[in-house]
Amino acid sequence: MTRNLISIDAEDDVTEAARLMDRKRIHSILIGHGNEFSGIITDLDIVSRVVSKGLDPGGVKVREVMTSPLVSIGEDATIEEAAKKMRENGVRRLIVESDDHKVGMIAESDIVRVTPELHFLIRERSKLEAGMTPTRPQEVVLSGYCEMCGNYSSQLRNVDSRWLCEDCRGR
C-alpha cells in the first residue's frame, strides 16, 4: 500500500487536482484533509467526467466529480480480501484503516505488482462471468497488462487470443 496520502480541498478545481497528480506522479487524490476524507478523484474521473464532456477543468470543483463514499479495508486484510472488496464495490482503490485512522491506500496496480498470478485469476474469472469461451467470444473489456507492450491498461480487448491495450490494437 501507499502510506503517503495526498489530499486536496473539495473546493479546489479539477485543474489544480490534475496539476497535483502530475507533480506527484500519482493517479488519484483524496478529497479532504488530515484524517478526514470525503471522496477521491482519479485521472480517469477527470477524463470521463470533465474532459470527455467538454467541461472547463478550471470551472469544475473536485467535489462535483469525486467518487464518494470511500471504500476502506483494515490493514490486516489479505491481498485476496482487498481484491475481492474492490471487485464487489467496483473500485480500483481502497483506503487502508487501522483503529479508525487512515493509514494508506491500496490500488489494483499495487495488487498486480505483488501478485501477478492473482490478477491472472481475476481476469480469467471476469471472462467466465462475461460468458466468454473460445467458441463464444464476446466484446469484453478488462483491466490488466497488455500482452504485447506489457503496459497496464483499463481498456484491454481480446485480439486474436491476446489481450491488447488501445495503442497496441492500432499497430
C-alpha atoms as a PDB file:
ATOM      1  CA  MET A   1       0.000   0.000   0.000  1.00  0.00           C
ATOM      2  CA  THR A   2       0.939   3.627  -0.329  1.00  0.00           C
ATOM      3  CA  ARG A   3       1.335   5.254   3.067  1.00  0.00           C
ATOM      4  CA  ASN A   4       1.717   8.861   1.937  1.00  0.00           C
ATOM      5  CA  LEU A   5      -1.878  10.042   1.444  1.00  0.00           C
ATOM      6  CA  ILE A   6      -2.134  13.090  -0.810  1.00  0.00           C
ATOM      7  CA  SER A   7      -5.251  15.224  -0.495  1.00  0.00           C
ATOM      8  CA  ILE A   8      -6.871  18.320  -1.921  1.00  0.00           C
ATOM      9  CA  ASP A   9      -9.734  20.505  -0.721  1.00  0.00           C
ATOM     10  CA  ALA A  10     -13.207  19.780  -2.114  1.00  0.00           C
ATOM     11  CA  GLU A  11     -13.500  23.404  -3.292  1.00  0.00           C
ATOM     12  CA  ASP A  12     -10.323  23.276  -5.390  1.00  0.00           C
ATOM     13  CA  ASP A  13     -10.853  22.979  -9.126  1.00  0.00           C
ATOM     14  CA  VAL A  14     -10.079  19.968 -11.293  1.00  0.00           C
ATOM     15  CA  THR A  15      -7.132  21.755 -12.941  1.00  0.00           C
ATOM     16  CA  GLU A  16      -5.429  22.030  -9.555  1.00  0.00           C
ATOM     17  CA  ALA A  17      -6.091  18.329  -8.899  1.00  0.00           C
ATOM     18  CA  ALA A  18      -4.594  17.387 -12.281  1.00  0.00           C
ATOM     19  CA  ARG A  19      -1.533  19.571 -11.641  1.00  0.00           C
ATOM     20  CA  LEU A  20      -1.022  17.965  -8.227  1.00  0.00           C
ATOM     21  CA  MET A  21      -1.316  14.467  -9.725  1.00  0.00           C
ATOM     22  CA  ASP A  22       1.204  15.413 -12.394  1.00  0.00           C
ATOM     23  CA  ARG A  23       3.607  16.991  -9.899  1.00  0.00           C
ATOM     24  CA  LYS A  24       3.428  13.993  -7.523  1.00  0.00           C
ATOM     25  CA  ARG A  25       3.284  11.466 -10.397  1.00  0.00           C
ATOM     26  CA  ILE A  26       0.158   9.808  -8.973  1.00  0.00           C
ATOM     27  CA  HIS A  27      -3.196   8.756 -10.407  1.00  0.00           C
ATOM     28  CA  SER A  28      -5.553   9.730  -7.575  1.00  0.00           C
ATOM     29  CA  ILE A  29      -6.007  12.250  -4.801  1.00  0.00           C
ATOM     30  CA  LEU A  30      -8.150  12.084  -1.696  1.00  0.00           C
ATOM     31  CA  ILE A  31     -10.598  14.898  -1.055  1.00  0.00           C
ATOM     32  CA  GLY A  32     -10.338  16.420   2.427  1.00  0.00           C
ATOM     33  CA  HIS A  33      -7.506  16.950   4.871  1.00  0.00           C
ATOM     34  CA  GLY A  34      -5.880  15.484   7.974  1.00  0.00           C
ATOM     35  CA  ASN A  35      -7.552  12.139   8.616  1.00  0.00           C
ATOM     36  CA  GLU A  36     -10.969  13.236   7.316  1.00  0.00           C
ATOM     37  CA  PHE A  37     -11.657  12.446   3.674  1.00  0.00           C
ATOM     38  CA  SER A  38     -14.964  12.727   1.838  1.00  0.00           C
ATOM     39  CA  GLY A  39     -14.011  11.193  -1.502  1.00  0.00           C
ATOM     40  CA  ILE A  40     -11.399  10.526  -4.138  1.00  0.00           C
ATOM     41  CA  ILE A  41     -10.711  11.889  -7.617  1.00  0.00           C
ATOM     42  CA  THR A  42      -8.701   9.911 -10.157  1.00  0.00           C
ATOM     43  CA  ASP A  43      -7.160  10.698 -13.507  1.00  0.00           C
ATOM     44  CA  LEU A  44      -9.892   8.555 -15.069  1.00  0.00           C
ATOM     45  CA  ASP A  45     -12.568  10.654 -13.290  1.00  0.00           C
ATOM     46  CA  ILE A  46     -11.047  13.780 -14.824  1.00  0.00           C
ATOM     47  CA  VAL A  47     -11.053  12.277 -18.306  1.00  0.00           C
ATOM     48  CA  SER A  48     -14.510  10.685 -18.162  1.00  0.00           C
ATOM     49  CA  ARG A  49     -16.401  13.265 -16.088  1.00  0.00           C
ATOM     50  CA  VAL A  50     -14.777  16.518 -17.240  1.00  0.00           C
ATOM     51  CA  VAL A  51     -12.632  16.374 -20.384  1.00  0.00           C
ATOM     52  CA  SER A  52     -14.851  13.993 -22.389  1.00  0.00           C
ATOM     53  CA  LYS A  53     -17.850  16.213 -21.661  1.00  0.00           C
ATOM     54  CA  GLY A  54     -16.052  19.334 -22.895  1.00  0.00           C
ATOM     55  CA  LEU A  55     -16.148  20.980 -19.461  1.00  0.00           C
ATOM     56  CA  ASP A  56     -13.570  23.551 -18.383  1.00  0.00           C
ATOM     57  CA  PRO A  57     -11.464  21.822 -15.674  1.00  0.00           C
ATOM     58  CA  GLY A  58     -10.786  25.226 -14.127  1.00  0.00           C
ATOM     59  CA  GLY A  59     -14.506  25.777 -13.653  1.00  0.00           C
ATOM     60  CA  VAL A  60     -15.335  22.395 -12.108  1.00  0.00           C
ATOM     61  CA  LYS A  61     -14.825  21.771  -8.380  1.00  0.00           C
ATOM     62  CA  VAL A  62     -13.349  18.404  -7.404  1.00  0.00           C
ATOM     63  CA  ARG A  63     -16.385  17.771  -5.169  1.00  0.00           C
ATOM     64  CA  GLU A  64     -18.537  17.774  -8.315  1.00  0.00           C
ATOM     65  CA  VAL A  65     -16.692  14.849  -9.913  1.00  0.00           C
ATOM     66  CA  MET A  66     -15.186  12.952  -6.980  1.00  0.00           C
ATOM     67  CA  THR A  67     -16.232   9.429  -6.092  1.00  0.00           C
ATOM     68  CA  SER A  68     -17.849   9.147  -2.689  1.00  0.00           C
ATOM     69  CA  PRO A  69     -18.105   7.451  -0.270  1.00  0.00           C
ATOM     70  CA  LEU A  70     -14.664   5.972   0.068  1.00  0.00           C
ATOM     71  CA  VAL A  71     -14.385   2.207   0.405  1.00  0.00           C
ATOM     72  CA  SER A  72     -11.981   1.084   3.106  1.00  0.00           C
ATOM     73  CA  ILE A  73     -10.375  -2.083   4.390  1.00  0.00           C
ATOM     74  CA  GLY A  74      -8.456  -2.972   7.544  1.00  0.00           C
ATOM     75  CA  GLU A  75      -4.685  -3.029   7.412  1.00  0.00           C
ATOM     76  CA  ASP A  76      -4.661  -6.679   8.481  1.00  0.00           C
ATOM     77  CA  ALA A  77      -6.697  -7.802   5.443  1.00  0.00           C
ATOM     78  CA  THR A  78      -5.137 -10.110   2.879  1.00  0.00           C
ATOM     79  CA  ILE A  79      -4.462  -9.156  -0.730  1.00  0.00           C
ATOM     80  CA  GLU A  80      -7.191 -11.572  -1.778  1.00  0.00           C
ATOM     81  CA  GLU A  81      -9.682  -9.819   0.539  1.00  0.00           C
ATOM     82  CA  ALA A  82      -8.663  -6.447  -0.901  1.00  0.00           C
ATOM     83  CA  ALA A  83      -9.086  -7.697  -4.480  1.00  0.00           C
ATOM     84  CA  LYS A  84     -12.487  -9.148  -3.623  1.00  0.00           C
ATOM     85  CA  LYS A  85     -13.624  -5.914  -1.964  1.00  0.00           C
ATOM     86  CA  MET A  86     -12.500  -3.903  -4.984  1.00  0.00           C
ATOM     87  CA  ARG A  87     -14.420  -6.191  -7.310  1.00  0.00           C
ATOM     88  CA  GLU A  88     -17.559  -6.204  -5.150  1.00  0.00           C
ATOM     89  CA  ASN A  89     -17.573  -2.404  -4.885  1.00  0.00           C
ATOM     90  CA  GLY A  90     -16.467  -1.654  -8.443  1.00  0.00           C
ATOM     91  CA  VAL A  91     -13.455   0.404  -7.310  1.00  0.00           C
ATOM     92  CA  ARG A  92      -9.740   0.269  -8.043  1.00  0.00           C
ATOM     93  CA  ARG A  93      -8.532   1.788  -4.787  1.00  0.00           C
ATOM     94  CA  LEU A  94      -9.243   1.097  -1.129  1.00  0.00           C
ATOM     95  CA  ILE A  95      -8.427   3.271   1.865  1.00  0.00           C
ATOM     96  CA  VAL A  96      -6.499   1.245   4.443  1.00  0.00           C
ATOM     97  CA  GLU A  97      -7.530   1.853   8.046  1.00  0.00           C
ATOM     98  CA  SER A  98      -6.112   0.981  11.441  1.00  0.00           C
ATOM     99  CA  ASP A  99      -8.171   1.778  14.530  1.00  0.00           C
ATOM    100  CA  ASP A 100     -10.392   4.194  12.552  1.00  0.00           C
ATOM    101  CA  HIS A 101      -7.323   6.069  11.244  1.00  0.00           C
ATOM    102  CA  LYS A 102      -6.499   6.205   7.554  1.00  0.00           C
ATOM    103  CA  VAL A 103      -3.000   4.784   7.201  1.00  0.00           C
ATOM    104  CA  GLY A 104      -2.701   4.295   3.457  1.00  0.00           C
ATOM    105  CA  MET A 105      -4.247   3.359   0.155  1.00  0.00           C
ATOM    106  CA  ILE A 106      -4.006   0.151  -1.859  1.00  0.00           C
ATOM    107  CA  ALA A 107      -4.648   0.247  -5.586  1.00  0.00           C
ATOM    108  CA  GLU A 108      -5.414  -2.511  -8.041  1.00  0.00           C
ATOM    109  CA  SER A 109      -1.997  -1.855  -9.599  1.00  0.00           C
ATOM    110  CA  ASP A 110      -0.344  -2.499  -6.195  1.00  0.00           C
ATOM    111  CA  ILE A 111      -2.007  -5.908  -6.068  1.00  0.00           C
ATOM    112  CA  VAL A 112      -0.971  -6.711  -9.626  1.00  0.00           C
ATOM    113  CA  ARG A 113       2.616  -5.755  -8.871  1.00  0.00           C
ATOM    114  CA  VAL A 114       2.709  -8.027  -5.815  1.00  0.00           C
ATOM    115  CA  THR A 115       0.753 -10.971  -7.139  1.00  0.00           C
ATOM    116  CA  PRO A 116       0.501 -11.165 -10.908  1.00  0.00           C
ATOM    117  CA  GLU A 117      -0.977 -14.645 -10.634  1.00  0.00           C
ATOM    118  CA  LEU A 118      -3.908 -13.264  -8.634  1.00  0.00           C
ATOM    119  CA  HIS A 119      -4.508 -10.721 -11.378  1.00  0.00           C
ATOM    120  CA  PHE A 120      -4.453 -13.513 -13.949  1.00  0.00           C
ATOM    121  CA  LEU A 121      -7.086 -15.408 -11.957  1.00  0.00           C
ATOM    122  CA  ILE A 122      -9.249 -12.293 -11.625  1.00  0.00           C
ATOM    123  CA  ARG A 123      -9.008 -11.720 -15.363  1.00  0.00           C
ATOM    124  CA  GLU A 124      -9.928 -15.343 -16.115  1.00  0.00           C
ATOM    125  CA  ARG A 125     -12.885 -15.127 -13.724  1.00  0.00           C
ATOM    126  CA  SER A 126     -14.022 -11.937 -15.478  1.00  0.00           C
ATOM    127  CA  LYS A 127     -14.006 -13.808 -18.772  1.00  0.00           C
ATOM    128  CA  LEU A 128     -16.086 -16.608 -17.283  1.00  0.00           C
ATOM    129  CA  GLU A 129     -18.550 -14.179 -15.688  1.00  0.00           C
ATOM    130  CA  ALA A 130     -18.938 -12.465 -19.055  1.00  0.00           C
ATOM    131  CA  GLY A 131     -19.757 -15.820 -20.637  1.00  0.00           C
ATOM    132  CA  MET A 132     -16.716 -15.707 -22.855  1.00  0.00           C
ATOM    133  CA  THR A 133     -15.390 -19.048 -24.107  1.00  0.00           C
ATOM    134  CA  PRO A 134     -13.077 -19.929 -27.011  1.00  0.00           C
ATOM    135  CA  THR A 135     -16.141 -20.922 -29.056  1.00  0.00           C
ATOM    136  CA  ARG A 136     -18.233 -17.954 -27.920  1.00  0.00           C
ATOM    137  CA  PRO A 137     -16.044 -14.847 -27.835  1.00  0.00           C
ATOM    138  CA  GLN A 138     -17.661 -11.585 -26.826  1.00  0.00           C
ATOM    139  CA  GLU A 139     -16.502  -7.984 -26.767  1.00  0.00           C
ATOM    140  CA  VAL A 140     -15.120  -7.852 -23.241  1.00  0.00           C
ATOM    141  CA  VAL A 141     -13.043  -5.014 -21.809  1.00  0.00           C
ATOM    142  CA  LEU A 142     -10.683  -5.894 -18.973  1.00  0.00           C
ATOM    143  CA  SER A 143      -8.052  -4.181 -16.849  1.00  0.00           C
ATOM    144  CA  GLY A 144      -4.566  -5.609 -16.737  1.00  0.00           C
ATOM    145  CA  TYR A 145      -1.232  -5.784 -18.513  1.00  0.00           C
ATOM    146  CA  CYS A 146      -1.141  -5.676 -22.298  1.00  0.00           C
ATOM    147  CA  GLU A 147       0.260  -8.914 -23.707  1.00  0.00           C
ATOM    148  CA  MET A 148       2.165  -7.018 -26.417  1.00  0.00           C
ATOM    149  CA  CYS A 149       3.767  -3.996 -24.721  1.00  0.00           C
ATOM    150  CA  GLY A 150       3.408  -5.003 -21.053  1.00  0.00           C
ATOM    151  CA  ASN A 151       1.855  -1.682 -20.008  1.00  0.00           C
ATOM    152  CA  TYR A 152      -1.101  -1.576 -17.622  1.00  0.00           C
ATOM    153  CA  SER A 153      -4.422  -0.596 -19.208  1.00  0.00           C
ATOM    154  CA  SER A 154      -8.034  -0.430 -18.092  1.00  0.00           C
ATOM    155  CA  GLN A 155      -9.099  -0.944 -21.730  1.00  0.00           C
ATOM    156  CA  LEU A 156      -7.719  -4.362 -22.713  1.00  0.00           C
ATOM    157  CA  ARG A 157      -9.580  -6.073 -25.552  1.00  0.00           C
ATOM    158  CA  ASN A 158      -9.093  -9.551 -26.955  1.00  0.00           C
ATOM    159  CA  VAL A 159      -7.485  -9.560 -30.405  1.00  0.00           C
ATOM    160  CA  ASP A 160      -6.543 -12.957 -31.837  1.00  0.00           C
ATOM    161  CA  SER A 161      -6.494 -14.529 -28.340  1.00  0.00           C
ATOM    162  CA  ARG A 162      -4.210 -11.801 -26.923  1.00  0.00           C
ATOM    163  CA  TRP A 163      -5.278  -9.041 -24.510  1.00  0.00           C
ATOM    164  CA  LEU A 164      -4.096  -5.760 -26.014  1.00  0.00           C
ATOM    165  CA  CYS A 165      -4.242  -2.115 -24.941  1.00  0.00           C
ATOM    166  CA  GLU A 166      -5.646   0.573 -27.227  1.00  0.00           C
ATOM    167  CA  ASP A 167      -2.195   1.563 -28.534  1.00  0.00           C
ATOM    168  CA  CYS A 168      -1.213  -1.989 -29.463  1.00  0.00           C
ATOM    169  CA  ARG A 169      -4.583  -2.727 -31.093  1.00  0.00           C
ATOM    170  CA  GLY A 170      -3.833   0.114 -33.534  1.00  0.00           C
ATOM    171  CA  ARG A 171      -0.479  -1.337 -34.618  1.00  0.00           C
END
